[in-house]
């Protein structure tokens, strides 16, 4: 939902179609449900870091799923000891 905001906001049907196509790719992503453990971690992250609910939930879910990297364009999300945060803009510009 968060990734789709940009294309919807600017009314870009090509970007919207590409984004939808990307997320429809089979075996590319694993959809994770949020349980009480993720929500507890989310609350703790919000209390300690000041992250928004959505950002803290993303981080908590990634950590619970034992992801090594969180790919984002949100510069407000810090790296964590157990989760590297990579900016999509950095990857696209060759900085990572």
PDB file of N, CA and C in Angstrom:
ATOM      1  N   UNK A   1       0.823  -1.200   0.000  1.00  0.00           N
ATOM      2  CA  UNK A   1       0.000   0.000   0.000  1.00  0.00           C
ATOM      3  C   UNK A   1       0.861   1.255   0.000  1.00  0.00           C
ATOM      4  N   UNK A   2       1.955   1.208   0.742  1.00  0.00           N
ATOM      5  CA  UNK A   2       2.788   2.403   0.830  1.00  0.00           C
ATOM      6  C   UNK A   2       3.488   2.714  -0.492  1.00  0.00           C
ATOM      7  N   UNK A   3       3.900   1.698  -1.201  1.00  0.00           N
ATOM      8  CA  UNK A   3       4.596   1.899  -2.469  1.00  0.00           C
ATOM      9  C   UNK A   3       3.668   2.464  -3.536  1.00  0.00           C
ATOM     10  N   UNK A   4       2.405   2.147  -3.443  1.00  0.00           N
ATOM     11  CA  UNK A   4       1.445   2.574  -4.464  1.00  0.00           C
ATOM     12  C   UNK A   4       1.016   4.036  -4.308  1.00  0.00           C
ATOM     13  N   UNK A   5       1.294   4.647  -3.181  1.00  0.00           N
ATOM     14  CA  UNK A   5       0.850   6.021  -2.936  1.00  0.00           C
ATOM     15  C   UNK A   5       1.404   6.982  -3.979  1.00  0.00           C
ATOM     16  N   UNK A   6       2.698   6.879  -4.272  1.00  0.00           N
ATOM     17  CA  UNK A   6       3.322   7.799  -5.227  1.00  0.00           C
ATOM     18  C   UNK A   6       2.651   7.803  -6.593  1.00  0.00           C
ATOM     19  N   UNK A   7       2.534   6.631  -7.244  1.00  0.00           N
ATOM     20  CA  UNK A   7       1.860   6.608  -8.543  1.00  0.00           C
ATOM     21  C   UNK A   7       0.416   7.108  -8.494  1.00  0.00           C
ATOM     22  N   UNK A   8      -0.310   6.762  -7.425  1.00  0.00           N
ATOM     23  CA  UNK A   8      -1.681   7.263  -7.290  1.00  0.00           C
ATOM     24  C   UNK A   8      -1.697   8.774  -7.085  1.00  0.00           C
ATOM     25  N   UNK A   9      -0.778   9.272  -6.264  1.00  0.00           N
ATOM     26  CA  UNK A   9      -0.741  10.698  -5.950  1.00  0.00           C
ATOM     27  C   UNK A   9      -0.506  11.555  -7.197  1.00  0.00           C
ATOM     28  N   UNK A  10       0.431  11.113  -8.037  1.00  0.00           N
ATOM     29  CA  UNK A  10       0.752  11.903  -9.230  1.00  0.00           C
ATOM     30  C   UNK A  10      -0.094  11.519 -10.435  1.00  0.00           C
ATOM     31  N   UNK A  11      -0.923  10.482 -10.288  1.00  0.00           N
ATOM     32  CA  UNK A  11      -1.789  10.073 -11.393  1.00  0.00           C
ATOM     33  C   UNK A  11      -1.021   9.508 -12.569  1.00  0.00           C
ATOM     34  N   UNK A  12       0.023   8.720 -12.277  1.00  0.00           N
ATOM     35  CA  UNK A  12       0.868   8.153 -13.329  1.00  0.00           C
ATOM     36  C   UNK A  12       0.441   6.713 -13.609  1.00  0.00           C
ATOM     37  N   UNK A  13      -0.384   6.492 -14.652  1.00  0.00           N
ATOM     38  CA  UNK A  13      -0.884   5.143 -14.920  1.00  0.00           C
ATOM     39  C   UNK A  13       0.210   4.163 -15.315  1.00  0.00           C
ATOM     40  N   UNK A  14       1.286   4.632 -15.941  1.00  0.00           N
ATOM     41  CA  UNK A  14       2.378   3.735 -16.330  1.00  0.00           C
ATOM     42  C   UNK A  14       3.119   3.252 -15.086  1.00  0.00           C
ATOM     43  N   UNK A  15       3.456   4.170 -14.196  1.00  0.00           N
ATOM     44  CA  UNK A  15       4.136   3.791 -12.955  1.00  0.00           C
ATOM     45  C   UNK A  15       3.240   2.895 -12.111  1.00  0.00           C
ATOM     46  N   UNK A  16       1.962   3.179 -12.090  1.00  0.00           N
ATOM     47  CA  UNK A  16       1.019   2.369 -11.344  1.00  0.00           C
ATOM     48  C   UNK A  16       0.981   0.939 -11.892  1.00  0.00           C
ATOM     49  N   UNK A  17       0.885   0.811 -13.207  1.00  0.00           N
ATOM     50  CA  UNK A  17       0.845  -0.516 -13.840  1.00  0.00           C
ATOM     51  C   UNK A  17       2.150  -1.275 -13.597  1.00  0.00           C
ATOM     52  N   UNK A  18       3.284  -0.591 -13.693  1.00  0.00           N
ATOM     53  CA  UNK A  18       4.581  -1.246 -13.456  1.00  0.00           C
ATOM     54  C   UNK A  18       4.706  -1.722 -12.010  1.00  0.00           C
ATOM     55  N   UNK A  19       4.253  -0.903 -11.090  1.00  0.00           N
ATOM     56  CA  UNK A  19       4.324  -1.270  -9.680  1.00  0.00           C
ATOM     57  C   UNK A  19       3.426  -2.461  -9.391  1.00  0.00           C
ATOM     58  N   UNK A  20       2.218  -2.441  -9.916  1.00  0.00           N
ATOM     59  CA  UNK A  20       1.307  -3.571  -9.727  1.00  0.00           C
ATOM     60  C   UNK A  20       1.883  -4.844 -10.349  1.00  0.00           C
ATOM     61  N   UNK A  21       2.480  -4.710 -11.524  1.00  0.00           N
ATOM     62  CA  UNK A  21       3.094  -5.850 -12.193  1.00  0.00           C
ATOM     63  C   UNK A  21       4.252  -6.409 -11.363  1.00  0.00           C
ATOM     64  N   UNK A  22       5.057  -5.522 -10.801  1.00  0.00           N
ATOM     65  CA  UNK A  22       6.178  -5.941  -9.962  1.00  0.00           C
ATOM     66  C   UNK A  22       5.685  -6.779  -8.786  1.00  0.00           C
ATOM     67  N   UNK A  23       4.670  -6.303  -8.086  1.00  0.00           N
ATOM     68  CA  UNK A  23       4.169  -7.009  -6.916  1.00  0.00           C
ATOM     69  C   UNK A  23       3.392  -8.274  -7.271  1.00  0.00           C
ATOM     70  N   UNK A  24       2.980  -8.413  -8.519  1.00  0.00           N
ATOM     71  CA  UNK A  24       2.280  -9.619  -8.956  1.00  0.00           C
ATOM     72  C   UNK A  24       3.246 -10.717  -9.394  1.00  0.00           C
ATOM     73  N   UNK A  25       4.537 -10.416  -9.445  1.00  0.00           N
ATOM     74  CA  UNK A  25       5.539 -11.399  -9.858  1.00  0.00           C
ATOM     75  C   UNK A  25       5.546 -12.578  -8.891  1.00  0.00           C
ATOM     76  N   UNK A  26       5.389 -13.771  -9.423  1.00  0.00           N
ATOM     77  CA  UNK A  26       5.340 -14.976  -8.587  1.00  0.00           C
ATOM     78  C   UNK A  26       6.680 -15.220  -7.902  1.00  0.00           C
ATOM     79  N   UNK A  27       6.609 -15.670  -6.663  1.00  0.00           N
ATOM     80  CA  UNK A  27       7.772 -16.063  -5.874  1.00  0.00           C
ATOM     81  C   UNK A  27       8.778 -14.936  -5.645  1.00  0.00           C
ATOM     82  N   UNK A  28       8.337 -13.711  -5.796  1.00  0.00           N
ATOM     83  CA  UNK A  28       9.229 -12.578  -5.564  1.00  0.00           C
ATOM     84  C   UNK A  28       9.177 -12.135  -4.102  1.00  0.00           C
ATOM     85  N   UNK A  29       7.986 -12.093  -3.561  1.00  0.00           N
ATOM     86  CA  UNK A  29       7.784 -11.613  -2.205  1.00  0.00           C
ATOM     87  C   UNK A  29       7.032 -12.637  -1.382  1.00  0.00           C
ATOM     88  N   UNK A  30       7.263 -12.580  -0.095  1.00  0.00           N
ATOM     89  CA  UNK A  30       6.488 -13.388   0.830  1.00  0.00           C
ATOM     90  C   UNK A  30       5.626 -12.439   1.649  1.00  0.00           C
ATOM     91  N   UNK A  31       4.336 -12.650   1.611  1.00  0.00           N
ATOM     92  CA  UNK A  31       3.413 -11.821   2.377  1.00  0.00           C
ATOM     93  C   UNK A  31       3.372 -12.363   3.798  1.00  0.00           C
ATOM     94  N   UNK A  32       3.665 -11.509   4.767  1.00  0.00           N
ATOM     95  CA  UNK A  32       3.714 -11.916   6.171  1.00  0.00           C
ATOM     96  C   UNK A  32       2.523 -11.346   6.931  1.00  0.00           C
ATOM     97  N   UNK A  33       1.909 -12.160   7.745  1.00  0.00           N
ATOM     98  CA  UNK A  33       0.840 -11.681   8.616  1.00  0.00           C
ATOM     99  C   UNK A  33       1.451 -11.055   9.862  1.00  0.00           C
ATOM    100  N   UNK A  34       0.723 -10.138  10.448  1.00  0.00           N
ATOM    101  CA  UNK A  34       1.178  -9.484  11.669  1.00  0.00           C
ATOM    102  C   UNK A  34       0.447 -10.082  12.854  1.00  0.00           C
ATOM    103  N   UNK A  35       1.200 -10.637  13.779  1.00  0.00           N
ATOM    104  CA  UNK A  35       0.620 -11.194  14.985  1.00  0.00           C
ATOM    105  C   UNK A  35       0.932 -10.316  16.183  1.00  0.00           C
ATOM    106  N   UNK A  36       0.586 -10.807  17.355  1.00  0.00           N
ATOM    107  CA  UNK A  36       0.797 -10.004  18.566  1.00  0.00           C
ATOM    108  C   UNK A  36       2.266  -9.707  18.808  1.00  0.00           C
ATOM    109  N   UNK A  37       3.165 -10.614  18.444  1.00  0.00           N
ATOM    110  CA  UNK A  37       4.601 -10.372  18.635  1.00  0.00           C
ATOM    111  C   UNK A  37       5.077  -9.199  17.780  1.00  0.00           C
ATOM    112  N   UNK A  38       4.616  -9.147  16.524  1.00  0.00           N
ATOM    113  CA  UNK A  38       5.010  -8.036  15.650  1.00  0.00           C
ATOM    114  C   UNK A  38       4.458  -6.713  16.170  1.00  0.00           C
ATOM    115  N   UNK A  39       3.230  -6.727  16.654  1.00  0.00           N
ATOM    116  CA  UNK A  39       2.647  -5.488  17.162  1.00  0.00           C
ATOM    117  C   UNK A  39       3.319  -5.040  18.460  1.00  0.00           C
ATOM    118  N   UNK A  40       3.727  -5.989  19.298  1.00  0.00           N
ATOM    119  CA  UNK A  40       4.466  -5.625  20.504  1.00  0.00           C
ATOM    120  C   UNK A  40       5.813  -5.024  20.132  1.00  0.00           C
ATOM    121  N   UNK A  41       6.519  -5.657  19.182  1.00  0.00           N
ATOM    122  CA  UNK A  41       7.791  -5.110  18.705  1.00  0.00           C
ATOM    123  C   UNK A  41       7.585  -3.725  18.088  1.00  0.00           C
ATOM    124  N   UNK A  42       6.492  -3.559  17.373  1.00  0.00           N
ATOM    125  CA  UNK A  42       6.175  -2.267  16.756  1.00  0.00           C
ATOM    126  C   UNK A  42       6.032  -1.189  17.822  1.00  0.00           C
ATOM    127  N   UNK A  43       5.307  -1.490  18.874  1.00  0.00           N
ATOM    128  CA  UNK A  43       5.120  -0.523  19.960  1.00  0.00           C
ATOM    129  C   UNK A  43       6.454  -0.176  20.610  1.00  0.00           C
ATOM    130  N   UNK A  44       7.278  -1.176  20.848  1.00  0.00           N
ATOM    131  CA  UNK A  44       8.599  -0.945  21.444  1.00  0.00           C
ATOM    132  C   UNK A  44       9.450  -0.065  20.533  1.00  0.00           C
ATOM    133  N   UNK A  45       9.454  -0.369  19.241  1.00  0.00           N
ATOM    134  CA  UNK A  45      10.227   0.439  18.289  1.00  0.00           C
ATOM    135  C   UNK A  45       9.741   1.885  18.262  1.00  0.00           C
ATOM    136  N   UNK A  46       8.443   2.073  18.273  1.00  0.00           N
ATOM    137  CA  UNK A  46       7.891   3.429  18.271  1.00  0.00           C
ATOM    138  C   UNK A  46       8.329   4.177  19.520  1.00  0.00           C
ATOM    139  N   UNK A  47       8.317   3.505  20.668  1.00  0.00           N
ATOM    140  CA  UNK A  47       8.692   4.146  21.925  1.00  0.00           C
ATOM    141  C   UNK A  47      10.166   4.534  21.939  1.00  0.00           C
ATOM    142  N   UNK A  48      11.009   3.676  21.377  1.00  0.00           N
ATOM    143  CA  UNK A  48      12.455   3.901  21.425  1.00  0.00           C
ATOM    144  C   UNK A  48      12.947   4.813  20.314  1.00  0.00           C
ATOM    145  N   UNK A  49      12.383   4.658  19.109  1.00  0.00           N
ATOM    146  CA  UNK A  49      12.921   5.380  17.945  1.00  0.00           C
ATOM    147  C   UNK A  49      12.065   6.544  17.472  1.00  0.00           C
ATOM    148  N   UNK A  50      10.789   6.546  17.844  1.00  0.00           N
ATOM    149  CA  UNK A  50       9.895   7.577  17.341  1.00  0.00           C
ATOM    150  C   UNK A  50       9.404   7.322  15.927  1.00  0.00           C
ATOM    151  N   UNK A  51       9.629   6.116  15.409  1.00  0.00           N
ATOM    152  CA  UNK A  51       9.153   5.780  14.071  1.00  0.00           C
ATOM    153  C   UNK A  51       7.629   5.848  14.017  1.00  0.00           C
ATOM    154  N   UNK A  52       7.103   6.108  12.829  1.00  0.00           N
ATOM    155  CA  UNK A  52       5.654   6.071  12.639  1.00  0.00           C
ATOM    156  C   UNK A  52       5.171   4.638  12.806  1.00  0.00           C
ATOM    157  N   UNK A  53       3.874   4.476  12.970  1.00  0.00           N
ATOM    158  CA  UNK A  53       3.306   3.140  13.115  1.00  0.00           C
ATOM    159  C   UNK A  53       3.651   2.267  11.913  1.00  0.00           C
ATOM    160  N   UNK A  54       3.460   2.788  10.712  1.00  0.00           N
ATOM    161  CA  UNK A  54       3.724   1.993   9.505  1.00  0.00           C
ATOM    162  C   UNK A  54       5.202   1.615   9.409  1.00  0.00           C
ATOM    163  N   UNK A  55       6.097   2.565   9.649  1.00  0.00           N
ATOM    164  CA  UNK A  55       7.527   2.274   9.547  1.00  0.00           C
ATOM    165  C   UNK A  55       7.969   1.277  10.610  1.00  0.00           C
ATOM    166  N   UNK A  56       7.492   1.449  11.831  1.00  0.00           N
ATOM    167  CA  UNK A  56       7.851   0.519  12.905  1.00  0.00           C
ATOM    168  C   UNK A  56       7.308  -0.876  12.611  1.00  0.00           C
ATOM    169  N   UNK A  57       6.125  -0.960  12.031  1.00  0.00           N
ATOM    170  CA  UNK A  57       5.552  -2.258  11.676  1.00  0.00           C
ATOM    171  C   UNK A  57       6.369  -2.930  10.573  1.00  0.00           C
ATOM    172  N   UNK A  58       6.837  -2.145   9.602  1.00  0.00           N
ATOM    173  CA  UNK A  58       7.698  -2.698   8.554  1.00  0.00           C
ATOM    174  C   UNK A  58       8.970  -3.279   9.161  1.00  0.00           C
ATOM    175  N   UNK A  59       9.604  -2.514  10.041  1.00  0.00           N
ATOM    176  CA  UNK A  59      10.852  -2.961  10.660  1.00  0.00           C
ATOM    177  C   UNK A  59      10.600  -4.187  11.534  1.00  0.00           C
ATOM    178  N   UNK A  60       9.580  -4.140  12.362  1.00  0.00           N
ATOM    179  CA  UNK A  60       9.280  -5.266  13.250  1.00  0.00           C
ATOM    180  C   UNK A  60       8.995  -6.534  12.452  1.00  0.00           C
ATOM    181  N   UNK A  61       8.248  -6.415  11.384  1.00  0.00           N
ATOM    182  CA  UNK A  61       7.922  -7.576  10.552  1.00  0.00           C
ATOM    183  C   UNK A  61       9.170  -8.129   9.878  1.00  0.00           C
ATOM    184  N   UNK A  62      10.007  -7.247   9.356  1.00  0.00           N
ATOM    185  CA  UNK A  62      11.256  -7.688   8.715  1.00  0.00           C
ATOM    186  C   UNK A  62      12.158  -8.398   9.717  1.00  0.00           C
ATOM    187  N   UNK A  63      12.260  -7.852  10.918  1.00  0.00           N
ATOM    188  CA  UNK A  63      13.107  -8.472  11.936  1.00  0.00           C
ATOM    189  C   UNK A  63      12.549  -9.828  12.365  1.00  0.00           C
ATOM    190  N   UNK A  64      11.243  -9.927  12.556  1.00  0.00           N
ATOM    191  CA  UNK A  64      10.627 -11.200  12.944  1.00  0.00           C
ATOM    192  C   UNK A  64      10.786 -12.248  11.849  1.00  0.00           C
ATOM    193  N   UNK A  65      10.824 -11.797  10.596  1.00  0.00           N
ATOM    194  CA  UNK A  65      10.995 -12.714   9.464  1.00  0.00           C
ATOM    195  C   UNK A  65      12.473 -13.029   9.219  1.00  0.00           C
ATOM    196  N   UNK A  66      13.321 -12.459  10.053  1.00  0.00           N
ATOM    197  CA  UNK A  66      14.777 -12.654   9.979  1.00  0.00           C
ATOM    198  C   UNK A  66      15.364 -12.182   8.651  1.00  0.00           C
ATOM    199  N   UNK A  67      14.819 -11.080   8.162  1.00  0.00           N
ATOM    200  CA  UNK A  67      15.392 -10.465   6.964  1.00  0.00           C
ATOM    201  C   UNK A  67      16.746  -9.839   7.326  1.00  0.00           C
ATOM    202  N   UNK A  68      17.640  -9.827   6.386  1.00  0.00           N
ATOM    203  CA  UNK A  68      18.939  -9.189   6.597  1.00  0.00           C
ATOM    204  C   UNK A  68      18.909  -7.720   6.209  1.00  0.00           C
ATOM    205  N   UNK A  69      18.055  -7.393   5.224  1.00  0.00           N
ATOM    206  CA  UNK A  69      18.037  -6.053   4.645  1.00  0.00           C
ATOM    207  C   UNK A  69      16.603  -5.578   4.484  1.00  0.00           C
ATOM    208  N   UNK A  70      16.387  -4.310   4.786  1.00  0.00           N
ATOM    209  CA  UNK A  70      15.124  -3.648   4.497  1.00  0.00           C
ATOM    210  C   UNK A  70      15.408  -2.630   3.408  1.00  0.00           C
ATOM    211  N   UNK A  71      14.791  -2.795   2.262  1.00  0.00           N
ATOM    212  CA  UNK A  71      14.970  -1.894   1.130  1.00  0.00           C
ATOM    213  C   UNK A  71      13.874  -0.852   1.182  1.00  0.00           C
ATOM    214  N   UNK A  72      14.256   0.416   1.253  1.00  0.00           N
ATOM    215  CA  UNK A  72      13.285   1.487   1.415  1.00  0.00           C
ATOM    216  C   UNK A  72      13.825   2.770   0.797  1.00  0.00           C
ATOM    217  N   UNK A  73      12.959   3.727   0.619  1.00  0.00           N
ATOM    218  CA  UNK A  73      13.402   5.068   0.251  1.00  0.00           C
ATOM    219  C   UNK A  73      13.113   6.047   1.371  1.00  0.00           C
ATOM    220  N   UNK A  74      12.764   5.525   2.528  1.00  0.00           N
ATOM    221  CA  UNK A  74      12.438   6.359   3.674  1.00  0.00           C
ATOM    222  C   UNK A  74      13.701   6.600   4.491  1.00  0.00           C
ATOM    223  N   UNK A  75      14.258   7.784   4.378  1.00  0.00           N
ATOM    224  CA  UNK A  75      15.501   8.124   5.068  1.00  0.00           C
ATOM    225  C   UNK A  75      15.324   8.204   6.580  1.00  0.00           C
ATOM    226  N   UNK A  76      14.081   8.201   7.060  1.00  0.00           N
ATOM    227  CA  UNK A  76      13.840   8.280   8.509  1.00  0.00           C
ATOM    228  C   UNK A  76      14.025   6.942   9.204  1.00  0.00           C
ATOM    229  N   UNK A  77      14.093   5.853   8.447  1.00  0.00           N
ATOM    230  CA  UNK A  77      14.248   4.531   9.060  1.00  0.00           C
ATOM    231  C   UNK A  77      15.742   4.267   9.256  1.00  0.00           C
ATOM    232  N   UNK A  78      16.162   4.126  10.504  1.00  0.00           N
ATOM    233  CA  UNK A  78      17.588   3.879  10.765  1.00  0.00           C
ATOM    234  C   UNK A  78      17.941   2.410  10.582  1.00  0.00           C
ATOM    235  N   UNK A  79      19.217   2.142  10.449  1.00  0.00           N
ATOM    236  CA  UNK A  79      19.691   0.758  10.443  1.00  0.00           C
ATOM    237  C   UNK A  79      19.634   0.233  11.874  1.00  0.00           C
ATOM    238  N   UNK A  80      19.560  -1.070  12.005  1.00  0.00           N
ATOM    239  CA  UNK A  80      19.532  -1.719  13.298  1.00  0.00           C
ATOM    240  C   UNK A  80      20.634  -2.759  13.336  1.00  0.00           C
ATOM    241  N   UNK A  81      20.975  -3.182  14.535  1.00  0.00           N
ATOM    242  CA  UNK A  81      22.049  -4.167  14.704  1.00  0.00           C
ATOM    243  C   UNK A  81      21.775  -5.434  13.897  1.00  0.00           C
ATOM    244  N   UNK A  82      20.521  -5.836  13.830  1.00  0.00           N
ATOM    245  CA  UNK A  82      20.158  -7.084  13.151  1.00  0.00           C
ATOM    246  C   UNK A  82      19.456  -6.870  11.815  1.00  0.00           C
ATOM    247  N   UNK A  83      19.398  -5.616  11.352  1.00  0.00           N
ATOM    248  CA  UNK A  83      18.701  -5.322  10.097  1.00  0.00           C
ATOM    249  C   UNK A  83      19.350  -4.131   9.412  1.00  0.00           C
ATOM    250  N   UNK A  84      19.994  -4.398   8.294  1.00  0.00           N
ATOM    251  CA  UNK A  84      20.560  -3.302   7.501  1.00  0.00           C
ATOM    252  C   UNK A  84      19.427  -2.601   6.770  1.00  0.00           C
ATOM    253  N   UNK A  85      19.555  -1.306   6.595  1.00  0.00           N
ATOM    254  CA  UNK A  85      18.561  -0.529   5.854  1.00  0.00           C
ATOM    255  C   UNK A  85      19.269   0.055   4.644  1.00  0.00           C
ATOM    256  N   UNK A  86      18.788  -0.302   3.463  1.00  0.00           N
ATOM    257  CA  UNK A  86      19.380   0.146   2.207  1.00  0.00           C
ATOM    258  C   UNK A  86      18.392   1.045   1.502  1.00  0.00           C
ATOM    259  N   UNK A  87      18.841   2.198   1.091  1.00  0.00           N
ATOM    260  CA  UNK A  87      18.004   3.156   0.377  1.00  0.00           C
ATOM    261  C   UNK A  87      17.969   2.792  -1.106  1.00  0.00           C
ATOM    262  N   UNK A  88      16.789   2.682  -1.658  1.00  0.00           N
ATOM    263  CA  UNK A  88      16.610   2.346  -3.061  1.00  0.00           C
ATOM    264  C   UNK A  88      17.322   3.357  -3.956  1.00  0.00           C
ATOM    265  N   UNK A  89      17.250   4.624  -3.595  1.00  0.00           N
ATOM    266  CA  UNK A  89      17.941   5.652  -4.383  1.00  0.00           C
ATOM    267  C   UNK A  89      19.443   5.413  -4.429  1.00  0.00           C
ATOM    268  N   UNK A  90      20.019   4.933  -3.312  1.00  0.00           N
ATOM    269  CA  UNK A  90      21.466   4.642  -3.278  1.00  0.00           C
ATOM    270  C   UNK A  90      21.802   3.481  -4.186  1.00  0.00           C
ATOM    271  N   UNK A  91      20.950   2.461  -4.193  1.00  0.00           N
ATOM    272  CA  UNK A  91      21.189   1.292  -5.048  1.00  0.00           C
ATOM    273  C   UNK A  91      21.113   1.704  -6.511  1.00  0.00           C
ATOM    274  N   UNK A  92      20.108   2.510  -6.836  1.00  0.00           N
ATOM    275  CA  UNK A  92      19.920   2.924  -8.227  1.00  0.00           C
ATOM    276  C   UNK A  92      21.030   3.837  -8.711  1.00  0.00           C
ATOM    277  N   UNK A  93      21.644   4.590  -7.777  1.00  0.00           N
ATOM    278  CA  UNK A  93      22.719   5.504  -8.185  1.00  0.00           C
ATOM    279  C   UNK A  93      24.086   4.833  -8.082  1.00  0.00           C
ATOM    280  N   UNK A  94      24.125   3.578  -7.629  1.00  0.00           N
ATOM    281  CA  UNK A  94      25.383   2.827  -7.555  1.00  0.00           C
ATOM    282  C   UNK A  94      26.173   3.078  -6.286  1.00  0.00           C
ATOM    283  N   UNK A  95      25.599   3.688  -5.273  1.00  0.00           N
ATOM    284  CA  UNK A  95      26.320   3.965  -4.044  1.00  0.00           C
ATOM    285  C   UNK A  95      26.420   2.761  -3.128  1.00  0.00           C
ATOM    286  N   UNK A  96      25.593   1.746  -3.296  1.00  0.00           N
ATOM    287  CA  UNK A  96      25.611   0.566  -2.418  1.00  0.00           C
ATOM    288  C   UNK A  96      26.255  -0.593  -3.119  1.00  0.00           C
TER     289      UNK A  96
END
